[in-house]
Amino acid sequence: MLTGTTTSAAAQFTSSPRGAQLARRFAVRCMEAWGHPPASDVSCAVALVVGELAANAVRHGRVPGRDVGLRLALDAAAGLVRVEVADAAATKLPPTSAPSSYPEGESGRGLLLVEALAVRWGWAPRRPVGKTVWADVPVEGLALE
């Protein structure tokens, strides 16, 4: 939950792999503007979460002619960065938690990464259509290696 002392940024991206890549770059630039260099643990964590959620939105939530929305909100008082990725697919809903096992292969582990990096995550319906998947990433206490 955000406390009201937030700094935020938002952008729209095409619902394509290139759009997901640009969303991740946007997140890194925002984090740098908010005092967290690109190589910092929090910037890397936010970039990974944005990358995974945007990739899921492109892969599973793509609706032709509709963009993917990204909103980032830094709540310094709470020590969190809220990542919100919105798509227009109202019928393709994410699971309520990351699956405990994944098939062999190169994909299917995105929500497990999100769950590992965020203190909480979930989704909500988006008006007029679609859904928003969100994750709260801690600003302190991350140690990525």
N, C-alpha and C. Protein backbone atom coordinates (compact mmCIF):
# COMPACT_ATOMS: atom_id res chain seq x y z
N MET A 1 0.85 -1.17 0.00
CA MET A 1 0.00 0.00 0.00
C MET A 1 0.90 1.24 0.00
N LEU A 2 0.60 2.18 -0.84
CA LEU A 2 1.37 3.40 -0.92
C LEU A 2 0.83 4.42 0.06
N THR A 3 1.74 5.24 0.64
CA THR A 3 1.35 6.11 1.74
C THR A 3 0.96 7.52 1.34
N GLY A 4 1.17 7.92 0.10
CA GLY A 4 0.79 9.25 -0.32
C GLY A 4 1.98 10.16 -0.56
N THR A 5 3.18 9.76 -0.16
CA THR A 5 4.38 10.54 -0.43
C THR A 5 5.12 9.92 -1.61
N THR A 6 4.45 9.88 -2.74
CA THR A 6 4.99 9.15 -3.87
C THR A 6 5.45 10.08 -4.99
N THR A 7 6.40 9.57 -5.74
CA THR A 7 6.82 10.14 -7.00
C THR A 7 6.48 9.09 -8.03
N SER A 8 5.84 9.49 -9.12
CA SER A 8 5.41 8.47 -10.07
C SER A 8 5.73 8.88 -11.50
N ALA A 9 5.70 7.88 -12.37
CA ALA A 9 5.90 8.07 -13.80
C ALA A 9 5.08 7.00 -14.51
N ALA A 10 4.58 7.34 -15.69
CA ALA A 10 3.77 6.40 -16.45
C ALA A 10 4.04 6.57 -17.93
N ALA A 11 3.86 5.47 -18.67
CA ALA A 11 4.04 5.50 -20.12
C ALA A 11 3.27 4.35 -20.75
N GLN A 12 3.01 4.48 -22.02
CA GLN A 12 2.34 3.43 -22.81
C GLN A 12 3.36 2.86 -23.80
N PHE A 13 3.27 1.57 -24.06
CA PHE A 13 4.16 0.89 -24.98
C PHE A 13 3.36 -0.04 -25.86
N THR A 14 3.85 -0.26 -27.07
CA THR A 14 3.16 -1.20 -27.95
C THR A 14 3.16 -2.58 -27.33
N SER A 15 2.14 -3.33 -27.60
CA SER A 15 2.02 -4.69 -27.09
C SER A 15 2.84 -5.62 -27.98
N SER A 16 4.17 -5.53 -27.81
CA SER A 16 5.11 -6.31 -28.62
C SER A 16 6.36 -6.56 -27.78
N PRO A 17 7.19 -7.50 -28.19
CA PRO A 17 8.45 -7.71 -27.46
C PRO A 17 9.28 -6.42 -27.38
N ARG A 18 9.29 -5.63 -28.44
CA ARG A 18 10.02 -4.35 -28.42
C ARG A 18 9.41 -3.40 -27.37
N GLY A 19 8.09 -3.38 -27.26
CA GLY A 19 7.44 -2.56 -26.26
C GLY A 19 7.83 -2.98 -24.85
N ALA A 20 7.91 -4.29 -24.60
CA ALA A 20 8.33 -4.78 -23.28
C ALA A 20 9.76 -4.36 -22.97
N GLN A 21 10.62 -4.42 -23.97
CA GLN A 21 12.01 -3.99 -23.81
C GLN A 21 12.09 -2.49 -23.49
N LEU A 22 11.30 -1.69 -24.19
CA LEU A 22 11.29 -0.26 -23.94
C LEU A 22 10.71 0.07 -22.56
N ALA A 23 9.76 -0.70 -22.10
CA ALA A 23 9.21 -0.50 -20.76
C ALA A 23 10.29 -0.72 -19.71
N ARG A 24 11.08 -1.74 -19.89
CA ARG A 24 12.17 -2.02 -18.95
C ARG A 24 13.19 -0.88 -18.95
N ARG A 25 13.55 -0.39 -20.12
CA ARG A 25 14.49 0.74 -20.21
C ARG A 25 13.91 1.99 -19.55
N PHE A 26 12.63 2.23 -19.75
CA PHE A 26 11.95 3.36 -19.12
C PHE A 26 12.06 3.26 -17.59
N ALA A 27 11.86 2.06 -17.07
CA ALA A 27 11.93 1.84 -15.63
C ALA A 27 13.33 2.15 -15.10
N VAL A 28 14.35 1.72 -15.81
CA VAL A 28 15.73 1.99 -15.38
C VAL A 28 16.00 3.49 -15.38
N ARG A 29 15.52 4.20 -16.40
CA ARG A 29 15.71 5.66 -16.44
C ARG A 29 14.97 6.35 -15.29
N CYS A 30 13.77 5.89 -14.99
CA CYS A 30 13.03 6.46 -13.86
C CYS A 30 13.77 6.23 -12.54
N MET A 31 14.24 5.02 -12.34
CA MET A 31 14.94 4.71 -11.10
C MET A 31 16.19 5.57 -10.97
N GLU A 32 16.89 5.79 -12.08
CA GLU A 32 18.08 6.64 -12.04
C GLU A 32 17.69 8.08 -11.68
N ALA A 33 16.62 8.57 -12.27
CA ALA A 33 16.15 9.93 -11.96
C ALA A 33 15.74 10.05 -10.49
N TRP A 34 15.33 8.96 -9.88
CA TRP A 34 14.92 8.97 -8.48
C TRP A 34 16.06 8.64 -7.52
N GLY A 35 17.30 8.63 -8.06
CA GLY A 35 18.47 8.45 -7.21
C GLY A 35 18.98 7.04 -7.07
N HIS A 36 18.53 6.13 -7.92
CA HIS A 36 18.97 4.74 -7.86
C HIS A 36 19.66 4.38 -9.17
N PRO A 37 21.00 4.36 -9.19
CA PRO A 37 21.74 4.12 -10.43
C PRO A 37 21.35 2.79 -11.09
N PRO A 38 21.55 2.69 -12.40
CA PRO A 38 21.15 1.48 -13.13
C PRO A 38 21.75 0.18 -12.57
N ALA A 39 22.94 0.24 -12.00
CA ALA A 39 23.56 -0.98 -11.48
C ALA A 39 23.16 -1.29 -10.03
N SER A 40 22.35 -0.41 -9.40
CA SER A 40 21.95 -0.67 -8.02
C SER A 40 21.00 -1.86 -7.94
N ASP A 41 20.98 -2.49 -6.77
CA ASP A 41 20.12 -3.66 -6.60
C ASP A 41 18.65 -3.33 -6.83
N VAL A 42 18.19 -2.20 -6.31
CA VAL A 42 16.77 -1.86 -6.47
C VAL A 42 16.44 -1.58 -7.92
N SER A 43 17.31 -0.89 -8.64
CA SER A 43 17.04 -0.63 -10.06
C SER A 43 17.00 -1.93 -10.85
N CYS A 44 17.93 -2.82 -10.57
CA CYS A 44 17.94 -4.12 -11.26
C CYS A 44 16.70 -4.93 -10.93
N ALA A 45 16.27 -4.90 -9.66
CA ALA A 45 15.07 -5.64 -9.26
C ALA A 45 13.84 -5.08 -9.95
N VAL A 46 13.71 -3.75 -9.97
CA VAL A 46 12.56 -3.12 -10.63
C VAL A 46 12.59 -3.45 -12.12
N ALA A 47 13.76 -3.37 -12.73
CA ALA A 47 13.88 -3.70 -14.16
C ALA A 47 13.46 -5.14 -14.44
N LEU A 48 13.85 -6.07 -13.59
CA LEU A 48 13.45 -7.47 -13.77
C LEU A 48 11.94 -7.64 -13.63
N VAL A 49 11.37 -7.01 -12.62
CA VAL A 49 9.92 -7.12 -12.40
C VAL A 49 9.16 -6.51 -13.58
N VAL A 50 9.57 -5.32 -14.01
CA VAL A 50 8.93 -4.69 -15.17
C VAL A 50 9.07 -5.59 -16.39
N GLY A 51 10.28 -6.11 -16.61
CA GLY A 51 10.50 -6.98 -17.76
C GLY A 51 9.59 -8.20 -17.76
N GLU A 52 9.46 -8.84 -16.61
CA GLU A 52 8.62 -10.04 -16.52
C GLU A 52 7.14 -9.71 -16.69
N LEU A 53 6.67 -8.67 -16.01
CA LEU A 53 5.25 -8.33 -16.11
C LEU A 53 4.91 -7.81 -17.51
N ALA A 54 5.79 -7.03 -18.10
CA ALA A 54 5.54 -6.54 -19.47
C ALA A 54 5.58 -7.69 -20.47
N ALA A 55 6.51 -8.61 -20.31
CA ALA A 55 6.57 -9.77 -21.21
C ALA A 55 5.30 -10.60 -21.08
N ASN A 56 4.80 -10.79 -19.87
CA ASN A 56 3.54 -11.52 -19.68
C ASN A 56 2.38 -10.79 -20.33
N ALA A 57 2.35 -9.46 -20.17
CA ALA A 57 1.27 -8.68 -20.78
C ALA A 57 1.29 -8.81 -22.29
N VAL A 58 2.49 -8.80 -22.87
CA VAL A 58 2.63 -8.93 -24.32
C VAL A 58 2.26 -10.34 -24.78
N ARG A 59 2.71 -11.32 -24.03
CA ARG A 59 2.49 -12.72 -24.45
C ARG A 59 1.07 -13.20 -24.18
N HIS A 60 0.54 -12.87 -23.01
CA HIS A 60 -0.75 -13.43 -22.61
C HIS A 60 -1.90 -12.43 -22.64
N GLY A 61 -1.59 -11.14 -22.64
CA GLY A 61 -2.64 -10.14 -22.55
C GLY A 61 -2.76 -9.25 -23.76
N ARG A 62 -2.13 -9.65 -24.84
CA ARG A 62 -2.14 -8.81 -26.04
C ARG A 62 -3.51 -8.77 -26.68
N VAL A 63 -3.96 -7.57 -26.94
CA VAL A 63 -5.18 -7.33 -27.70
C VAL A 63 -4.78 -6.42 -28.86
N PRO A 64 -5.00 -6.87 -30.10
CA PRO A 64 -4.58 -6.04 -31.25
C PRO A 64 -5.12 -4.61 -31.15
N GLY A 65 -4.22 -3.67 -31.41
CA GLY A 65 -4.59 -2.26 -31.38
C GLY A 65 -4.57 -1.62 -30.00
N ARG A 66 -4.24 -2.39 -28.97
CA ARG A 66 -4.21 -1.87 -27.60
C ARG A 66 -2.78 -1.91 -27.07
N ASP A 67 -2.37 -0.84 -26.40
CA ASP A 67 -1.04 -0.76 -25.82
C ASP A 67 -0.99 -1.40 -24.44
N VAL A 68 0.23 -1.52 -23.93
CA VAL A 68 0.49 -1.95 -22.56
C VAL A 68 0.87 -0.71 -21.78
N GLY A 69 0.27 -0.53 -20.62
CA GLY A 69 0.57 0.62 -19.78
C GLY A 69 1.52 0.25 -18.66
N LEU A 70 2.43 1.15 -18.34
CA LEU A 70 3.36 0.96 -17.22
C LEU A 70 3.26 2.18 -16.32
N ARG A 71 3.14 1.92 -15.03
CA ARG A 71 3.18 3.00 -14.03
C ARG A 71 4.13 2.56 -12.94
N LEU A 72 5.03 3.47 -12.57
CA LEU A 72 5.95 3.25 -11.46
C LEU A 72 5.68 4.31 -10.41
N ALA A 73 5.70 3.92 -9.16
CA ALA A 73 5.50 4.88 -8.08
C ALA A 73 6.49 4.58 -6.96
N LEU A 74 7.36 5.55 -6.69
CA LEU A 74 8.32 5.43 -5.60
C LEU A 74 7.71 6.05 -4.35
N ASP A 75 7.53 5.24 -3.33
CA ASP A 75 7.02 5.71 -2.04
C ASP A 75 8.19 5.66 -1.07
N ALA A 76 8.89 6.79 -0.92
CA ALA A 76 10.08 6.84 -0.08
C ALA A 76 9.75 6.53 1.37
N ALA A 77 8.61 7.01 1.86
CA ALA A 77 8.23 6.78 3.25
C ALA A 77 8.03 5.29 3.54
N ALA A 78 7.43 4.58 2.61
CA ALA A 78 7.18 3.14 2.80
C ALA A 78 8.38 2.30 2.36
N GLY A 79 9.32 2.90 1.61
CA GLY A 79 10.47 2.15 1.13
C GLY A 79 10.12 1.16 0.04
N LEU A 80 9.18 1.55 -0.84
CA LEU A 80 8.71 0.63 -1.88
C LEU A 80 8.64 1.34 -3.23
N VAL A 81 8.81 0.55 -4.27
CA VAL A 81 8.49 0.97 -5.63
C VAL A 81 7.35 0.10 -6.10
N ARG A 82 6.21 0.71 -6.42
CA ARG A 82 5.08 -0.04 -6.98
C ARG A 82 5.23 -0.07 -8.48
N VAL A 83 5.19 -1.26 -9.05
CA VAL A 83 5.22 -1.47 -10.49
C VAL A 83 3.83 -1.92 -10.90
N GLU A 84 3.23 -1.24 -11.88
CA GLU A 84 1.92 -1.63 -12.38
C GLU A 84 2.01 -1.77 -13.90
N VAL A 85 1.62 -2.92 -14.41
CA VAL A 85 1.58 -3.16 -15.85
C VAL A 85 0.15 -3.52 -16.21
N ALA A 86 -0.42 -2.75 -17.14
CA ALA A 86 -1.82 -2.93 -17.52
C ALA A 86 -1.91 -3.40 -18.97
N ASP A 87 -2.83 -4.33 -19.20
CA ASP A 87 -3.13 -4.76 -20.57
C ASP A 87 -4.64 -4.80 -20.74
N ALA A 88 -5.07 -5.08 -21.96
CA ALA A 88 -6.50 -5.00 -22.28
C ALA A 88 -7.21 -6.35 -22.27
N ALA A 89 -6.54 -7.41 -21.91
CA ALA A 89 -7.16 -8.74 -21.94
C ALA A 89 -7.84 -9.04 -20.60
N ALA A 90 -9.14 -8.86 -20.57
CA ALA A 90 -9.89 -9.05 -19.33
C ALA A 90 -10.11 -10.52 -18.99
N THR A 91 -10.05 -11.41 -19.98
CA THR A 91 -10.36 -12.82 -19.73
C THR A 91 -9.14 -13.66 -19.42
N LYS A 92 -7.94 -13.16 -19.69
CA LYS A 92 -6.72 -13.91 -19.41
C LYS A 92 -6.12 -13.39 -18.11
N LEU A 93 -6.50 -14.03 -17.01
CA LEU A 93 -6.10 -13.55 -15.69
C LEU A 93 -4.89 -14.32 -15.18
N PRO A 94 -4.01 -13.64 -14.44
CA PRO A 94 -2.86 -14.33 -13.85
C PRO A 94 -3.31 -15.20 -12.69
N PRO A 95 -2.46 -16.15 -12.30
CA PRO A 95 -2.80 -16.96 -11.12
C PRO A 95 -2.74 -16.09 -9.86
N THR A 96 -3.29 -16.59 -8.77
CA THR A 96 -3.26 -15.83 -7.52
C THR A 96 -1.91 -15.92 -6.83
N SER A 97 -1.08 -16.87 -7.21
CA SER A 97 0.28 -16.96 -6.70
C SER A 97 1.12 -17.63 -7.78
N ALA A 98 2.42 -17.49 -7.64
CA ALA A 98 3.31 -18.13 -8.62
C ALA A 98 3.20 -19.64 -8.47
N PRO A 99 3.14 -20.36 -9.59
CA PRO A 99 3.07 -21.82 -9.50
C PRO A 99 4.28 -22.38 -8.76
N SER A 100 4.08 -23.47 -8.01
CA SER A 100 5.18 -24.04 -7.24
C SER A 100 6.13 -24.87 -8.09
N SER A 101 5.69 -25.28 -9.27
CA SER A 101 6.59 -26.01 -10.17
C SER A 101 6.36 -25.53 -11.59
N TYR A 102 7.39 -25.63 -12.37
CA TYR A 102 7.34 -25.17 -13.75
C TYR A 102 7.81 -26.27 -14.67
N PRO A 103 7.30 -26.30 -15.90
CA PRO A 103 7.77 -27.28 -16.86
C PRO A 103 9.20 -26.94 -17.27
N GLU A 104 9.89 -27.96 -17.76
CA GLU A 104 11.24 -27.72 -18.29
C GLU A 104 11.13 -26.82 -19.50
N GLY A 105 12.12 -26.01 -19.71
CA GLY A 105 12.11 -25.11 -20.85
C GLY A 105 12.61 -23.74 -20.46
N GLU A 106 12.53 -22.82 -21.41
CA GLU A 106 13.10 -21.50 -21.20
C GLU A 106 12.09 -20.47 -20.71
N SER A 107 10.83 -20.80 -20.59
CA SER A 107 9.85 -19.81 -20.16
C SER A 107 9.02 -20.38 -19.03
N GLY A 108 8.17 -19.49 -18.46
CA GLY A 108 7.25 -19.95 -17.43
C GLY A 108 7.68 -19.68 -16.01
N ARG A 109 8.77 -18.94 -15.83
CA ARG A 109 9.25 -18.69 -14.47
C ARG A 109 9.14 -17.22 -14.06
N GLY A 110 8.50 -16.41 -14.86
CA GLY A 110 8.43 -14.97 -14.61
C GLY A 110 7.78 -14.60 -13.30
N LEU A 111 6.65 -15.20 -12.99
CA LEU A 111 5.97 -14.86 -11.74
C LEU A 111 6.74 -15.34 -10.51
N LEU A 112 7.52 -16.41 -10.68
CA LEU A 112 8.38 -16.86 -9.59
C LEU A 112 9.44 -15.80 -9.28
N LEU A 113 10.01 -15.19 -10.33
CA LEU A 113 10.96 -14.09 -10.13
C LEU A 113 10.28 -12.89 -9.46
N VAL A 114 9.10 -12.55 -9.94
CA VAL A 114 8.37 -11.43 -9.34
C VAL A 114 8.11 -11.71 -7.87
N GLU A 115 7.67 -12.90 -7.56
CA GLU A 115 7.39 -13.26 -6.17
C GLU A 115 8.64 -13.19 -5.30
N ALA A 116 9.79 -13.54 -5.87
CA ALA A 116 11.05 -13.51 -5.11
C ALA A 116 11.54 -12.08 -4.86
N LEU A 117 11.27 -11.17 -5.79
CA LEU A 117 11.79 -9.81 -5.69
C LEU A 117 10.84 -8.83 -5.02
N ALA A 118 9.56 -9.13 -5.02
CA ALA A 118 8.55 -8.21 -4.46
C ALA A 118 8.11 -8.67 -3.08
N VAL A 119 7.71 -7.71 -2.25
CA VAL A 119 7.17 -8.08 -0.94
C VAL A 119 5.74 -8.57 -1.08
N ARG A 120 5.07 -8.14 -2.15
CA ARG A 120 3.73 -8.64 -2.47
C ARG A 120 3.45 -8.29 -3.92
N TRP A 121 2.51 -9.03 -4.51
CA TRP A 121 2.08 -8.74 -5.87
C TRP A 121 0.67 -9.25 -6.03
N GLY A 122 0.01 -8.76 -7.07
CA GLY A 122 -1.36 -9.19 -7.32
C GLY A 122 -1.86 -8.56 -8.60
N TRP A 123 -3.16 -8.58 -8.76
CA TRP A 123 -3.75 -7.97 -9.95
C TRP A 123 -5.12 -7.42 -9.60
N ALA A 124 -5.58 -6.51 -10.44
CA ALA A 124 -6.90 -5.91 -10.24
C ALA A 124 -7.52 -5.65 -11.61
N PRO A 125 -8.84 -5.69 -11.70
CA PRO A 125 -9.49 -5.34 -12.96
C PRO A 125 -9.16 -3.90 -13.34
N ARG A 126 -9.10 -3.64 -14.62
CA ARG A 126 -8.84 -2.29 -15.12
C ARG A 126 -10.07 -1.79 -15.86
N ARG A 127 -10.43 -0.58 -15.61
CA ARG A 127 -11.59 0.00 -16.28
C ARG A 127 -11.14 0.82 -17.47
N PRO A 128 -11.72 0.76 -18.61
CA PRO A 128 -12.98 0.07 -18.89
C PRO A 128 -12.78 -1.41 -19.23
N VAL A 129 -11.56 -1.83 -19.55
CA VAL A 129 -11.35 -3.23 -19.92
C VAL A 129 -9.92 -3.63 -19.57
N GLY A 130 -9.75 -4.88 -19.23
CA GLY A 130 -8.42 -5.40 -18.99
C GLY A 130 -8.11 -5.61 -17.52
N LYS A 131 -6.82 -5.64 -17.24
CA LYS A 131 -6.36 -5.87 -15.88
C LYS A 131 -5.03 -5.14 -15.68
N THR A 132 -4.69 -4.93 -14.42
CA THR A 132 -3.41 -4.37 -14.03
C THR A 132 -2.76 -5.35 -13.08
N VAL A 133 -1.55 -5.78 -13.41
CA VAL A 133 -0.76 -6.64 -12.52
C VAL A 133 0.25 -5.72 -11.84
N TRP A 134 0.34 -5.83 -10.52
CA TRP A 134 1.21 -4.93 -9.76
C TRP A 134 2.13 -5.72 -8.84
N ALA A 135 3.24 -5.08 -8.47
CA ALA A 135 4.19 -5.66 -7.52
C ALA A 135 4.84 -4.53 -6.74
N ASP A 136 5.04 -4.75 -5.45
CA ASP A 136 5.72 -3.79 -4.59
C ASP A 136 7.13 -4.30 -4.32
N VAL A 137 8.12 -3.55 -4.83
CA VAL A 137 9.53 -3.94 -4.70
C VAL A 137 10.16 -3.07 -3.61
N PRO A 138 10.84 -3.70 -2.63
CA PRO A 138 11.46 -2.90 -1.56
C PRO A 138 12.66 -2.12 -2.08
N VAL A 139 12.83 -0.91 -1.55
CA VAL A 139 13.96 -0.07 -1.95
C VAL A 139 15.23 -0.51 -1.22
N GLU A 140 15.09 -0.94 0.00
CA GLU A 140 16.23 -1.38 0.81
C GLU A 140 16.14 -2.88 1.07
N GLY A 141 17.27 -3.46 1.40
CA GLY A 141 17.27 -4.86 1.81
C GLY A 141 17.39 -5.86 0.69
N LEU A 142 17.58 -5.39 -0.55
CA LEU A 142 17.79 -6.32 -1.65
C LEU A 142 19.28 -6.61 -1.78
N ALA A 143 19.59 -7.83 -2.11
CA ALA A 143 21.00 -8.20 -2.35
C ALA A 143 21.00 -9.15 -3.55
N LEU A 144 21.11 -8.59 -4.72
CA LEU A 144 21.14 -9.39 -5.94
C LEU A 144 22.58 -9.75 -6.25
N GLU A 145 22.83 -11.00 -6.56
CA GLU A 145 24.19 -11.42 -6.92
C GLU A 145 24.16 -12.26 -8.15
